[in-house]
Structure formats: C-alpha cells, structure tokens
C-alpha atoms as a PDB file:
ATOM      1  CA  UNK A   1     122.096 117.944  69.440  1.00  0.00           C
ATOM      2  CA  UNK A   2     122.019 121.522  67.801  1.00  0.00           C
ATOM      3  CA  UNK A   3     120.053 123.707  70.641  1.00  0.00           C
ATOM      4  CA  UNK A   4     122.207 121.391  73.280  1.00  0.00           C
ATOM      5  CA  UNK A   5     123.574 123.522  76.511  1.00  0.00           C
ATOM      6  CA  UNK A   6     122.990 123.624  79.763  1.00  0.00           C
ATOM      7  CA  UNK A   7     120.233 126.179  80.108  1.00  0.00           C
ATOM      8  CA  UNK A   8     118.271 124.726  77.708  1.00  0.00           C
ATOM      9  CA  UNK A   9     118.379 121.189  79.194  1.00  0.00           C
ATOM     10  CA  UNK A  10     117.424 122.772  82.611  1.00  0.00           C
ATOM     11  CA  UNK A  11     114.174 124.249  80.595  1.00  0.00           C
ATOM     12  CA  UNK A  12     113.132 120.931  78.716  1.00  0.00           C
ATOM     13  CA  UNK A  13     113.566 118.782  81.867  1.00  0.00           C
ATOM     14  CA  UNK A  14     111.936 121.208  84.289  1.00  0.00           C
ATOM     15  CA  UNK A  15     109.023 121.232  81.725  1.00  0.00           C
ATOM     16  CA  UNK A  16     108.851 117.539  81.815  1.00  0.00           C
ATOM     17  CA  UNK A  17     109.366 117.595  85.929  1.00  0.00           C
ATOM     18  CA  UNK A  18     106.261 119.936  85.959  1.00  0.00           C
ATOM     19  CA  UNK A  19     104.168 117.519  83.757  1.00  0.00           C
ATOM     20  CA  UNK A  20     105.172 114.678  85.675  1.00  0.00           C
ATOM     21  CA  UNK A  21     104.238 116.398  89.023  1.00  0.00           C
ATOM     22  CA  UNK A  22     100.448 117.423  88.021  1.00  0.00           C
ATOM     23  CA  UNK A  23      99.338 114.310  85.232  1.00  0.00           C
ATOM     24  CA  UNK A  24      97.130 114.620  82.884  1.00  0.00           C
ATOM     25  CA  UNK A  25      94.474 112.373  82.008  1.00  0.00           C
ATOM     26  CA  UNK A  26      96.217 110.372  79.757  1.00  0.00           C
ATOM     27  CA  UNK A  27      99.370 110.125  82.409  1.00  0.00           C
ATOM     28  CA  UNK A  28      96.555 109.395  84.978  1.00  0.00           C
ATOM     29  CA  UNK A  29      95.310 106.183  82.869  1.00  0.00           C
ATOM     30  CA  UNK A  30      98.859 105.142  82.410  1.00  0.00           C
ATOM     31  CA  UNK A  31      99.490 105.342  86.112  1.00  0.00           C
ATOM     32  CA  UNK A  32      96.113 103.096  86.689  1.00  0.00           C
ATOM     33  CA  UNK A  33      96.622 100.544  84.226  1.00  0.00           C
ATOM     34  CA  UNK A  34     100.017  99.412  85.142  1.00  0.00           C
ATOM     35  CA  UNK A  35      98.626  96.993  87.995  1.00  0.00           C
ATOM     36  CA  UNK A  36      97.093  94.767  84.775  1.00  0.00           C
ATOM     37  CA  UNK A  37     100.612  94.250  83.818  1.00  0.00           C
ATOM     38  CA  UNK A  38     102.315  94.252  87.003  1.00  0.00           C
ATOM     39  CA  UNK A  39     100.841  93.373  90.373  1.00  0.00           C
ATOM     40  CA  UNK A  40     103.171  95.219  92.396  1.00  0.00           C
ATOM     41  CA  UNK A  41     102.651  98.505  90.540  1.00  0.00           C
ATOM     42  CA  UNK A  42      99.959  99.557  92.067  1.00  0.00           C
ATOM     43  CA  UNK A  43      98.061 103.058  91.255  1.00  0.00           C
ATOM     44  CA  UNK A  44      99.104 104.745  94.335  1.00  0.00           C
ATOM     45  CA  UNK A  45     103.058 103.348  94.172  1.00  0.00           C
ATOM     46  CA  UNK A  46     103.149 104.115  90.221  1.00  0.00           C
ATOM     47  CA  UNK A  47     101.444 107.905  91.204  1.00  0.00           C
ATOM     48  CA  UNK A  48     104.416 108.049  93.949  1.00  0.00           C
ATOM     49  CA  UNK A  49     106.836 107.072  91.629  1.00  0.00           C
ATOM     50  CA  UNK A  50     106.004 109.375  88.628  1.00  0.00           C
ATOM     51  CA  UNK A  51     105.431 112.141  90.982  1.00  0.00           C
ATOM     52  CA  UNK A  52     108.883 112.050  92.946  1.00  0.00           C
ATOM     53  CA  UNK A  53     110.674 112.294  89.774  1.00  0.00           C
ATOM     54  CA  UNK A  54     108.633 115.187  88.572  1.00  0.00           C
ATOM     55  CA  UNK A  55     109.542 117.018  91.990  1.00  0.00           C
ATOM     56  CA  UNK A  56     112.809 115.757  91.133  1.00  0.00           C
ATOM     57  CA  UNK A  57     113.234 117.519  87.795  1.00  0.00           C
ATOM     58  CA  UNK A  58     112.966 121.095  89.003  1.00  0.00           C
ATOM     59  CA  UNK A  59     115.279 123.815  87.820  1.00  0.00           C
ATOM     60  CA  UNK A  60     116.738 124.655  91.263  1.00  0.00           C
ATOM     61  CA  UNK A  61     117.681 121.206  91.522  1.00  0.00           C
ATOM     62  CA  UNK A  62     119.072 120.559  88.222  1.00  0.00           C
ATOM     63  CA  UNK A  63     121.092 124.143  88.275  1.00  0.00           C
ATOM     64  CA  UNK A  64     122.375 122.735  91.281  1.00  0.00           C
ATOM     65  CA  UNK A  65     123.474 119.294  89.659  1.00  0.00           C
ATOM     66  CA  UNK A  66     124.473 120.359  86.596  1.00  0.00           C
ATOM     67  CA  UNK A  67     126.982 123.124  87.666  1.00  0.00           C
ATOM     68  CA  UNK A  68     129.203 120.222  89.107  1.00  0.00           C
ATOM     69  CA  UNK A  69     130.322 118.678  85.679  1.00  0.00           C
ATOM     70  CA  UNK A  70     132.174 119.989  82.728  1.00  0.00           C
ATOM     71  CA  UNK A  71     129.856 118.734  79.638  1.00  0.00           C
ATOM     72  CA  UNK A  72     131.379 118.853  76.461  1.00  0.00           C
ATOM     73  CA  UNK A  73     128.514 119.417  74.155  1.00  0.00           C
ATOM     74  CA  UNK A  74     130.358 120.139  71.040  1.00  0.00           C
ATOM     75  CA  UNK A  75     131.758 116.321  71.347  1.00  0.00           C
ATOM     76  CA  UNK A  76     130.070 113.282  69.555  1.00  0.00           C
ATOM     77  CA  UNK A  77     128.212 111.637  71.631  1.00  0.00           C
ATOM     78  CA  UNK A  78     128.944 108.281  72.873  1.00  0.00           C
ATOM     79  CA  UNK A  79     126.278 105.189  72.648  1.00  0.00           C
ATOM     80  CA  UNK A  80     125.814 103.960  76.443  1.00  0.00           C
ATOM     81  CA  UNK A  81     123.963 100.452  76.563  1.00  0.00           C
ATOM     82  CA  UNK A  82     121.810 100.611  79.933  1.00  0.00           C
ATOM     83  CA  UNK A  83     120.086  97.576  80.991  1.00  0.00           C
ATOM     84  CA  UNK A  84     117.544  98.539  83.485  1.00  0.00           C
ATOM     85  CA  UNK A  85     116.098  97.129  86.778  1.00  0.00           C
ATOM     86  CA  UNK A  86     112.406  96.935  87.272  1.00  0.00           C
ATOM     87  CA  UNK A  87     111.803  96.289  90.654  1.00  0.00           C
ATOM     88  CA  UNK A  88     109.987  99.444  91.171  1.00  0.00           C
ATOM     89  CA  UNK A  89     108.296 101.981  88.691  1.00  0.00           C
ATOM     90  CA  UNK A  90     110.790 104.075  86.607  1.00  0.00           C
ATOM     91  CA  UNK A  91     113.681 103.030  88.572  1.00  0.00           C
ATOM     92  CA  UNK A  92     115.884 103.331  85.433  1.00  0.00           C
ATOM     93  CA  UNK A  93     114.767 106.755  84.368  1.00  0.00           C
ATOM     94  CA  UNK A  94     117.770 108.530  85.895  1.00  0.00           C
ATOM     95  CA  UNK A  95     120.358 106.142  84.416  1.00  0.00           C
ATOM     96  CA  UNK A  96     118.423 107.521  80.910  1.00  0.00           C
ATOM     97  CA  UNK A  97     118.397 111.124  82.286  1.00  0.00           C
ATOM     98  CA  UNK A  98     122.189 110.956  83.501  1.00  0.00           C
ATOM     99  CA  UNK A  99     123.010 109.601  79.714  1.00  0.00           C
ATOM    100  CA  UNK A 100     120.521 112.099  77.472  1.00  0.00           C
ATOM    101  CA  UNK A 101     121.759 115.063  79.580  1.00  0.00           C
ATOM    102  CA  UNK A 102     125.416 114.504  78.471  1.00  0.00           C
ATOM    103  CA  UNK A 103     124.654 114.793  75.371  1.00  0.00           C
ATOM    104  CA  UNK A 104     124.784 110.503  74.848  1.00  0.00           C
ATOM    105  CA  UNK A 105     123.084 108.237  72.834  1.00  0.00           C
ATOM    106  CA  UNK A 106     120.581 105.806  75.175  1.00  0.00           C
ATOM    107  CA  UNK A 107     120.287 102.219  74.078  1.00  0.00           C
ATOM    108  CA  UNK A 108     117.727 100.864  76.644  1.00  0.00           C
ATOM    109  CA  UNK A 109     117.235  97.238  77.247  1.00  0.00           C
ATOM    110  CA  UNK A 110     114.041  97.927  79.449  1.00  0.00           C
ATOM    111  CA  UNK A 111     113.015  95.656  82.108  1.00  0.00           C
ATOM    112  CA  UNK A 112     109.856  93.280  80.911  1.00  0.00           C
ATOM    113  CA  UNK A 113     108.453  94.468  84.098  1.00  0.00           C
ATOM    114  CA  UNK A 114     108.916  98.045  83.727  1.00  0.00           C
ATOM    115  CA  UNK A 115     108.548  98.611  79.912  1.00  0.00           C
ATOM    116  CA  UNK A 116     105.611 100.839  79.064  1.00  0.00           C
ATOM    117  CA  UNK A 117     106.015 103.579  81.547  1.00  0.00           C
ATOM    118  CA  UNK A 118     109.698 104.180  80.855  1.00  0.00           C
ATOM    119  CA  UNK A 119     108.576 104.346  76.975  1.00  0.00           C
ATOM    120  CA  UNK A 120     105.605 106.752  77.883  1.00  0.00           C
ATOM    121  CA  UNK A 121     107.849 109.285  79.805  1.00  0.00           C
ATOM    122  CA  UNK A 122     110.185 109.275  76.929  1.00  0.00           C
ATOM    123  CA  UNK A 123     107.516 110.028  74.537  1.00  0.00           C
ATOM    124  CA  UNK A 124     106.295 112.918  76.929  1.00  0.00           C
ATOM    125  CA  UNK A 125     110.074 114.257  76.590  1.00  0.00           C
ATOM    126  CA  UNK A 126     110.352 113.914  73.186  1.00  0.00           C
ATOM    127  CA  UNK A 127     106.772 116.051  73.123  1.00  0.00           C
ATOM    128  CA  UNK A 128     108.583 118.920  74.944  1.00  0.00           C
ATOM    129  CA  UNK A 129     111.721 118.690  72.543  1.00  0.00           C
ATOM    130  CA  UNK A 130     111.537 116.514  69.366  1.00  0.00           C
ATOM    131  CA  UNK A 131     115.206 116.434  68.975  1.00  0.00           C
ATOM    132  CA  UNK A 132     115.519 113.881  71.532  1.00  0.00           C
ATOM    133  CA  UNK A 133     113.773 111.411  69.508  1.00  0.00           C
ATOM    134  CA  UNK A 134     116.674 110.475  67.906  1.00  0.00           C
ATOM    135  CA  UNK A 135     118.916 110.354  71.259  1.00  0.00           C
ATOM    136  CA  UNK A 136     117.432 107.127  72.695  1.00  0.00           C
ATOM    137  CA  UNK A 137     116.583 103.585  71.289  1.00  0.00           C
ATOM    138  CA  UNK A 138     114.747 100.956  72.972  1.00  0.00           C
ATOM    139  CA  UNK A 139     116.637  97.303  71.856  1.00  0.00           C
ATOM    140  CA  UNK A 140     115.837  93.483  72.944  1.00  0.00           C
ATOM    141  CA  UNK A 141     119.920  92.917  72.701  1.00  0.00           C
ATOM    142  CA  UNK A 142     122.530  95.511  73.347  1.00  0.00           C
ATOM    143  CA  UNK A 143     124.993  95.746  70.596  1.00  0.00           C
ATOM    144  CA  UNK A 144     127.716  98.585  69.046  1.00  0.00           C
ATOM    145  CA  UNK A 145     127.351 100.479  72.471  1.00  0.00           C
ATOM    146  CA  UNK A 146     130.691 102.100  73.512  1.00  0.00           C
ATOM    147  CA  UNK A 147     129.791 101.962  77.315  1.00  0.00           C
ATOM    148  CA  UNK A 148     127.597 100.025  79.729  1.00  0.00           C
ATOM    149  CA  UNK A 149     125.520 100.676  82.976  1.00  0.00           C
ATOM    150  CA  UNK A 150     123.770  97.462  84.080  1.00  0.00           C
ATOM    151  CA  UNK A 151     121.801  97.043  87.101  1.00  0.00           C
ATOM    152  CA  UNK A 152     120.927  93.521  88.158  1.00  0.00           C
ATOM    153  CA  UNK A 153     121.288  91.110  91.023  1.00  0.00           C
ATOM    154  CA  UNK A 154     124.406  89.118  92.324  1.00  0.00           C
ATOM    155  CA  UNK A 155     124.130  86.535  89.432  1.00  0.00           C
ATOM    156  CA  UNK A 156     123.405  88.793  86.921  1.00  0.00           C
ATOM    157  CA  UNK A 157     126.577  90.502  87.925  1.00  0.00           C
ATOM    158  CA  UNK A 158     128.682  88.154  86.824  1.00  0.00           C
ATOM    159  CA  UNK A 159     127.170  88.055  83.943  1.00  0.00           C
ATOM    160  CA  UNK A 160     127.501  91.696  82.979  1.00  0.00           C
ATOM    161  CA  UNK A 161     131.062  91.533  84.049  1.00  0.00           C
ATOM    162  CA  UNK A 162     132.073  88.883  81.735  1.00  0.00           C
ATOM    163  CA  UNK A 163     130.168  90.198  78.681  1.00  0.00           C
ATOM    164  CA  UNK A 164     130.870  94.127  79.360  1.00  0.00           C
ATOM    165  CA  UNK A 165     134.446  94.237  81.032  1.00  0.00           C
ATOM    166  CA  UNK A 166     136.140  95.123  78.442  1.00  0.00           C
ATOM    167  CA  UNK A 167     134.215  98.796  77.746  1.00  0.00           C
ATOM    168  CA  UNK A 168     133.967 101.456  80.366  1.00  0.00           C
ATOM    169  CA  UNK A 169     131.109 100.138  82.774  1.00  0.00           C
ATOM    170  CA  UNK A 170     129.129 100.707  85.828  1.00  0.00           C
ATOM    171  CA  UNK A 171     127.167  97.197  87.121  1.00  0.00           C
ATOM    172  CA  UNK A 172     125.341  97.264  89.905  1.00  0.00           C
ATOM    173  CA  UNK A 173     124.464  94.320  92.532  1.00  0.00           C
ATOM    174  CA  UNK A 174     122.362  93.952  95.004  1.00  0.00           C
ATOM    175  CA  UNK A 175     121.677  96.241  97.773  1.00  0.00           C
ATOM    176  CA  UNK A 176     119.529  97.116 100.756  1.00  0.00           C
ATOM    177  CA  UNK A 177     118.987  99.803 102.950  1.00  0.00           C
ATOM    178  CA  UNK A 178     119.212 100.186 107.070  1.00  0.00           C
ATOM    179  CA  UNK A 179     117.994 101.766 109.745  1.00  0.00           C
ATOM    180  CA  UNK A 180     119.563 102.821 112.693  1.00  0.00           C
ATOM    181  CA  UNK A 181     117.414 103.426 115.933  1.00  0.00           C
ATOM    182  CA  UNK A 182     118.349 105.163 119.392  1.00  0.00           C
ATOM    183  CA  UNK A 183     115.179 104.185 121.448  1.00  0.00           C
ATOM    184  CA  UNK A 184     114.629 107.793 121.228  1.00  0.00           C
ATOM    185  CA  UNK A 185     112.497 107.926 117.835  1.00  0.00           C
ATOM    186  CA  UNK A 186     109.272 110.333 117.949  1.00  0.00           C
ATOM    187  CA  UNK A 187     106.030 108.323 116.701  1.00  0.00           C
ATOM    188  CA  UNK A 188     106.230 110.867 113.826  1.00  0.00           C
ATOM    189  CA  UNK A 189     109.997 109.568 113.475  1.00  0.00           C
ATOM    190  CA  UNK A 190     108.659 105.488 113.625  1.00  0.00           C
ATOM    191  CA  UNK A 191     105.608 106.313 111.486  1.00  0.00           C
ATOM    192  CA  UNK A 192     107.614 107.466 108.799  1.00  0.00           C
ATOM    193  CA  UNK A 193     109.876 104.873 108.825  1.00  0.00           C
ATOM    194  CA  UNK A 194     107.168 102.548 107.709  1.00  0.00           C
ATOM    195  CA  UNK A 195     107.257 104.436 104.526  1.00  0.00           C
ATOM    196  CA  UNK A 196     110.909 103.249 104.228  1.00  0.00           C
ATOM    197  CA  UNK A 197     109.801  99.940 104.735  1.00  0.00           C
ATOM    198  CA  UNK A 198     106.679  99.568 103.262  1.00  0.00           C
ATOM    199  CA  UNK A 199     106.570 101.988 100.324  1.00  0.00           C
ATOM    200  CA  UNK A 200     106.928 100.033  97.022  1.00  0.00           C
ATOM    201  CA  UNK A 201     106.193  97.119  99.179  1.00  0.00           C
ATOM    202  CA  UNK A 202     110.242  96.898  99.981  1.00  0.00           C
ATOM    203  CA  UNK A 203     111.438  96.164  96.400  1.00  0.00           C
ATOM    204  CA  UNK A 204     113.534  98.415  96.100  1.00  0.00           C
ATOM    205  CA  UNK A 205     117.060  98.735  96.931  1.00  0.00           C
ATOM    206  CA  UNK A 206     116.429 102.290  99.034  1.00  0.00           C
ATOM    207  CA  UNK A 207     113.860 100.467 101.067  1.00  0.00           C
ATOM    208  CA  UNK A 208     114.941  99.275 104.497  1.00  0.00           C
ATOM    209  CA  UNK A 209     115.202  95.967 105.113  1.00  0.00           C
ATOM    210  CA  UNK A 210     117.304  95.620 108.586  1.00  0.00           C
ATOM    211  CA  UNK A 211     116.927  98.062 111.857  1.00  0.00           C
ATOM    212  CA  UNK A 212     119.811  98.153 114.156  1.00  0.00           C
ATOM    213  CA  UNK A 213     118.439  98.673 117.472  1.00  0.00           C
ATOM    214  CA  UNK A 214     120.204  99.304 120.719  1.00  0.00           C
ATOM    215  CA  UNK A 215     120.106  96.159 123.212  1.00  0.00           C
ATOM    216  CA  UNK A 216     116.943  95.905 125.219  1.00  0.00           C
ATOM    217  CA  UNK A 217     114.708  97.701 122.598  1.00  0.00           C
ATOM    218  CA  UNK A 218     111.368  97.814 122.992  1.00  0.00           C
ATOM    219  CA  UNK A 219     109.113  97.403 119.641  1.00  0.00           C
ATOM    220  CA  UNK A 220     105.969  98.342 121.367  1.00  0.00           C
ATOM    221  CA  UNK A 221     106.428 102.048 120.062  1.00  0.00           C
ATOM    222  CA  UNK A 222     107.039 100.822 116.770  1.00  0.00           C
ATOM    223  CA  UNK A 223     104.475  98.750 115.916  1.00  0.00           C
ATOM    224  CA  UNK A 224     101.889 100.994 117.311  1.00  0.00           C
ATOM    225  CA  UNK A 225     103.480 104.201 114.928  1.00  0.00           C
ATOM    226  CA  UNK A 226     103.433 101.854 112.001  1.00  0.00           C
ATOM    227  CA  UNK A 227      99.776 100.607 112.319  1.00  0.00           C
ATOM    228  CA  UNK A 228      98.297 103.377 109.681  1.00  0.00           C
ATOM    229  CA  UNK A 229     100.337 101.444 106.957  1.00  0.00           C
ATOM    230  CA  UNK A 230      98.474  97.983 107.628  1.00  0.00           C
ATOM    231  CA  UNK A 231      96.425  98.368 104.484  1.00  0.00           C
ATOM    232  CA  UNK A 232      99.789  96.929 102.467  1.00  0.00           C
ATOM    233  CA  UNK A 233      98.257  93.417 103.767  1.00  0.00           C
ATOM    234  CA  UNK A 234      95.106  93.874 101.373  1.00  0.00           C
ATOM    235  CA  UNK A 235      97.683  93.395  98.267  1.00  0.00           C
ATOM    236  CA  UNK A 236      97.712  89.919  97.329  1.00  0.00           C
ATOM    237  CA  UNK A 237     101.245  88.970  96.203  1.00  0.00           C
ATOM    238  CA  UNK A 238     102.683  90.803  99.678  1.00  0.00           C
ATOM    239  CA  UNK A 239      99.585  88.930 101.755  1.00  0.00           C
ATOM    240  CA  UNK A 240     101.460  85.715  99.650  1.00  0.00           C
ATOM    241  CA  UNK A 241     104.634  86.300 101.029  1.00  0.00           C
ATOM    242  CA  UNK A 242     103.555  87.452 104.568  1.00  0.00           C
ATOM    243  CA  UNK A 243     101.764  84.173 104.710  1.00  0.00           C
ATOM    244  CA  UNK A 244     104.508  82.072 103.568  1.00  0.00           C
ATOM    245  CA  UNK A 245     107.239  83.279 105.688  1.00  0.00           C
ATOM    246  CA  UNK A 246     105.148  83.802 108.714  1.00  0.00           C
ATOM    247  CA  UNK A 247     104.352  79.539 108.086  1.00  0.00           C
ATOM    248  CA  UNK A 248     107.932  78.911 107.581  1.00  0.00           C
ATOM    249  CA  UNK A 249     108.778  81.039 110.987  1.00  0.00           C
ATOM    250  CA  UNK A 250     105.817  78.863 113.095  1.00  0.00           C
ATOM    251  CA  UNK A 251     107.035  75.429 111.494  1.00  0.00           C
ATOM    252  CA  UNK A 252     111.036  75.795 112.396  1.00  0.00           C
ATOM    253  CA  UNK A 253     109.717  77.565 115.634  1.00  0.00           C
ATOM    254  CA  UNK A 254     111.890  80.591 114.928  1.00  0.00           C
ATOM    255  CA  UNK A 255     111.252  83.364 117.197  1.00  0.00           C
ATOM    256  CA  UNK A 256     109.725  86.342 115.893  1.00  0.00           C
ATOM    257  CA  UNK A 257     107.533  89.451 115.986  1.00  0.00           C
ATOM    258  CA  UNK A 258     104.461  89.712 114.003  1.00  0.00           C
ATOM    259  CA  UNK A 259     101.859  92.836 113.851  1.00  0.00           C
ATOM    260  CA  UNK A 260      99.495  90.975 111.141  1.00  0.00           C
ATOM    261  CA  UNK A 261     101.315  92.690 108.334  1.00  0.00           C
ATOM    262  CA  UNK A 262     105.251  92.856 109.079  1.00  0.00           C
ATOM    263  CA  UNK A 263     107.219  90.181 110.441  1.00  0.00           C
ATOM    264  CA  UNK A 264     110.253  91.238 112.544  1.00  0.00           C
ATOM    265  CA  UNK A 265     113.116  89.029 112.913  1.00  0.00           C
ATOM    266  CA  UNK A 266     116.589  89.011 114.658  1.00  0.00           C
ATOM    267  CA  UNK A 267     118.825  87.976 112.137  1.00  0.00           C
ATOM    268  CA  UNK A 268     122.258  89.134 110.957  1.00  0.00           C
ATOM    269  CA  UNK A 269     121.675  89.187 107.512  1.00  0.00           C
ATOM    270  CA  UNK A 270     121.176  92.222 105.666  1.00  0.00           C
ATOM    271  CA  UNK A 271     118.198  91.104 102.865  1.00  0.00           C
ATOM    272  CA  UNK A 272     115.123  89.931 104.707  1.00  0.00           C
ATOM    273  CA  UNK A 273     112.220  88.411 102.646  1.00  0.00           C
ATOM    274  CA  UNK A 274     109.192  90.452 101.592  1.00  0.00           C
ATOM    275  CA  UNK A 275     106.954  91.262 104.635  1.00  0.00           C
ATOM    276  CA  UNK A 276     109.874  90.836 107.145  1.00  0.00           C
ATOM    277  CA  UNK A 277     112.399  93.192 108.399  1.00  0.00           C
ATOM    278  CA  UNK A 278     115.501  91.767 110.340  1.00  0.00           C
ATOM    279  CA  UNK A 279     117.147  93.410 113.077  1.00  0.00           C
ATOM    280  CA  UNK A 280     120.342  93.236 114.932  1.00  0.00           C
ATOM    281  CA  UNK A 281     120.894  94.719 118.638  1.00  0.00           C
ATOM    282  CA  UNK A 282     123.900  97.025 119.162  1.00  0.00           C
ATOM    283  CA  UNK A 283     125.777  98.232 122.557  1.00  0.00           C
ATOM    284  CA  UNK A 284     127.491 101.457 121.154  1.00  0.00           C
ATOM    285  CA  UNK A 285     128.181 103.962 118.387  1.00  0.00           C
ATOM    286  CA  UNK A 286     131.051 102.536 117.454  1.00  0.00           C
ATOM    287  CA  UNK A 287     129.718  98.932 117.140  1.00  0.00           C
ATOM    288  CA  UNK A 288     126.875 100.609 114.649  1.00  0.00           C
ATOM    289  CA  UNK A 289     129.918 102.279 112.849  1.00  0.00           C
ATOM    290  CA  UNK A 290     131.746  98.960 112.416  1.00  0.00           C
ATOM    291  CA  UNK A 291     128.851  96.909 111.222  1.00  0.00           C
ATOM    292  CA  UNK A 292     128.178 100.045 108.713  1.00  0.00           C
ATOM    293  CA  UNK A 293     131.823  99.702 107.447  1.00  0.00           C
ATOM    294  CA  UNK A 294     131.593  95.767 107.655  1.00  0.00           C
ATOM    295  CA  UNK A 295     128.368  95.538 104.895  1.00  0.00           C
ATOM    296  CA  UNK A 296     129.364  98.568 103.135  1.00  0.00           C
ATOM    297  CA  UNK A 297     128.744  96.684  99.787  1.00  0.00           C
ATOM    298  CA  UNK A 298     125.657  96.165 100.595  1.00  0.00           C
ATOM    299  CA  UNK A 299     124.238  98.967 101.986  1.00  0.00           C
ATOM    300  CA  UNK A 300     122.421 101.461  99.599  1.00  0.00           C
ATOM    301  CA  UNK A 301     121.536 104.250 102.053  1.00  0.00           C
ATOM    302  CA  UNK A 302     121.035 104.524 106.006  1.00  0.00           C
ATOM    303  CA  UNK A 303     118.116 105.783 107.701  1.00  0.00           C
ATOM    304  CA  UNK A 304     118.732 107.527 110.927  1.00  0.00           C
ATOM    305  CA  UNK A 305     118.805 110.992 113.014  1.00  0.00           C
ATOM    306  CA  UNK A 306     121.876 109.632 115.482  1.00  0.00           C
ATOM    307  CA  UNK A 307     124.705 111.335 115.034  1.00  0.00           C
ATOM    308  CA  UNK A 308     126.797 108.317 113.065  1.00  0.00           C
ATOM    309  CA  UNK A 309     130.018 108.196 110.453  1.00  0.00           C
ATOM    310  CA  UNK A 310     128.803 106.191 107.336  1.00  0.00           C
ATOM    311  CA  UNK A 311     130.269 105.831 103.780  1.00  0.00           C
ATOM    312  CA  UNK A 312     126.712 105.673 102.873  1.00  0.00           C
ATOM    313  CA  UNK A 313     124.044 108.322 102.477  1.00  0.00           C
ATOM    314  CA  UNK A 314     122.358 108.748 105.360  1.00  0.00           C
ATOM    315  CA  UNK A 315     118.829 110.411 105.246  1.00  0.00           C
ATOM    316  CA  UNK A 316     116.248 111.123 108.030  1.00  0.00           C
ATOM    317  CA  UNK A 317     113.352 108.874 108.562  1.00  0.00           C
ATOM    318  CA  UNK A 318     110.679 108.503 105.223  1.00  0.00           C
ATOM    319  CA  UNK A 319     113.244 109.929 102.978  1.00  0.00           C
ATOM    320  CA  UNK A 320     114.961 106.514 102.036  1.00  0.00           C
ATOM    321  CA  UNK A 321     112.615 106.573  98.785  1.00  0.00           C
ATOM    322  CA  UNK A 322     113.248 110.350  98.026  1.00  0.00           C
ATOM    323  CA  UNK A 323     116.622 110.663  96.410  1.00  0.00           C
ATOM    324  CA  UNK A 324     117.835 113.713  94.930  1.00  0.00           C
ATOM    325  CA  UNK A 325     119.143 114.234  91.502  1.00  0.00           C
ATOM    326  CA  UNK A 326     122.636 113.968  92.700  1.00  0.00           C
ATOM    327  CA  UNK A 327     122.261 110.853  95.379  1.00  0.00           C
ATOM    328  CA  UNK A 328     123.680 108.031  92.926  1.00  0.00           C
ATOM    329  CA  UNK A 329     122.891 104.572  93.480  1.00  0.00           C
ATOM    330  CA  UNK A 330     125.993 102.429  94.913  1.00  0.00           C
ATOM    331  CA  UNK A 331     127.434 105.645  95.454  1.00  0.00           C
ATOM    332  CA  UNK A 332     129.080 105.476  91.866  1.00  0.00           C
ATOM    333  CA  UNK A 333     128.647 109.037  90.219  1.00  0.00           C
ATOM    334  CA  UNK A 334     127.002 108.289  86.729  1.00  0.00           C
ATOM    335  CA  UNK A 335     127.438 111.804  85.600  1.00  0.00           C
ATOM    336  CA  UNK A 336     131.213 111.428  86.439  1.00  0.00           C
ATOM    337  CA  UNK A 337     131.653 108.810  84.275  1.00  0.00           C
ATOM    338  CA  UNK A 338     129.711 109.782  81.390  1.00  0.00           C
ATOM    339  CA  UNK A 339     131.270 113.122  81.275  1.00  0.00           C
ATOM    340  CA  UNK A 340     134.671 111.043  80.877  1.00  0.00           C
ATOM    341  CA  UNK A 341     133.586 108.825  78.110  1.00  0.00           C
END
C-alpha cells in the first residue's frame, strides 16, 4: 500500500474507531437487525461489541501498541488465512486488524454466526481508506496462504493442526475465564462481576465460568449484588439453557444454588454450561496460585482484586470483556507472529 506507514495507519484506524464509537443510522440498523440472524446477538450485545472496538481504536492506544513492533512496510505482504470464531459479535476483528495493520493480506473465513458484522465494519474501513479494498478477501475455503490464525474448539484444533501444521500458525482452543474472590469485595465489585459473567450471555472465552472462593464463602452478598442483571432471563435461548440445567440438577439431586436466573454449583471443572457458574473453595493464596498454574492452558484471563501471581492477564471486576489492543487471546502475541513472517 503506497501510503502505508505507522502514523498514517493510526489515523485511519482511529477514524474508524470514532465511527464505531458513535454509530450512524445505517450502522445502528445493522446493530438492531443482527438479532434476526442470530438470537444471541441482541441489539444491546452487538452495540456493546461495536462500541468496545471503537473505544479500543483510539490514537493513544494505537500508538502505544504499534511502538512495540518493527513493521517493515516495504516488504511484500504475506497471505494470512483467518478462521474466525462466531460466539460473540465481532470476536474475530482483532485478528483481522493485526493482519491489515502489519501490511499483510487477510484471507477471511468468517463464521456463519457472525459474517455480516465483520463485512460491514471492513466496508466502513474501505470508505475511510479505499486502498484497503485489495488487502482482504472473504473466502469459503482457505487456500494459497502463507500462514494461518485459526480459532475454534478443542476438537476443531486437532483438525486445524493437521491441515495447517506445515505453515506458521496460531491455533486457539477452548478457554474460559475465572474470578478469584476473597470475601471482602464491595457490592460494586460483585455487581461488576455480573458483567464478567453475563455479558454476551457468557458465550465468550473472556466470560467468567468459575469462581474461586474462600472456604465457607457466603453467597448471599453475591446474589444480592448481581440482582440487577436478572433481565438476562428474558432471552429465550438463555432461559432455555437455565431451565434445562436446572431440571438436570433437580432430577440428579445435585446440590446447587439458584437465584432465578443463574445456577451456582460446586465443581472442579473449568467449563460450566450456559446459565451456570461453577465454584471451588480454597484454603489460601498458595492453593489459588497452584490451581491457576494447573489450569493454565484452559484459562483466558483472571478477574480479581486480590494480590495473586498468575501467568494470565489479571483484570479488575467488570473488565474481562474490555480487552486492550495488546491483550492477546491465549497470551500469544499475534503482532509478533505476523511481523516475523
């Protein structure tokens, strides 16, 4: 791209960020229409995703982010195959951004669950800078690629490793996030934890699916603090999951807590079903850190105000679904990978 340099790109993407932060009538129509194609993509959730990306694409953060990398804009760009997830709105945007901003060509295999949004946002980018039109392609099947970034489940990752193992790759598997509570959290902390659990209906890898709590933890303050999130039960797909899991626990006589829109169950597993959060009790900080280390491959981020050592990104309450540009999925530096191709 003839005009391509760091400062120019910061201007282009910060302009896109402003447009996403303050959606116009046409973008708002797309936001409100997605629900008809994917019932999980409510107007509220889509708007949250769009505006979060808009806020992420600000000049200050873009500059801070790009200053960490030596990007050679004179070399010929590589063709990078991208297999995008579709669990939450625009979840694959960051991978596309990384490929485009490093002057590579994105071969995008979008998820059927989230194809419309990413196409529309990239059309917005082309209106800001028309030369980007030739820097990406949407494809049904990946071919002719120099590298691959693929996001999927533990099952699909084996397929990805078989087919893409001979080229440079980043292959992501299932991960979930965890919250470490001390029992000293304020009502505001616990209310914000509700966002970490319920935003996007808990479908994202950055959603909290498990709580680590001190022995004898009293869940009453937690349930009182998250009560304002009760409207989530009005979504029929979430409600179906809640009813199904509740009936399973009742039939099996599994001990659990229930506030009418969330089930809380003691369980050693990391991945809880939708509308359920697992919890595990701990004795001390050392046992918490040992568990985090043991489950390292399954954890995306840790939500806590406690002073704990973790190999993962530790964020404050309510911040799990607000990653910065440099908060890479699975802790793998996508930009470093791309700049070294």
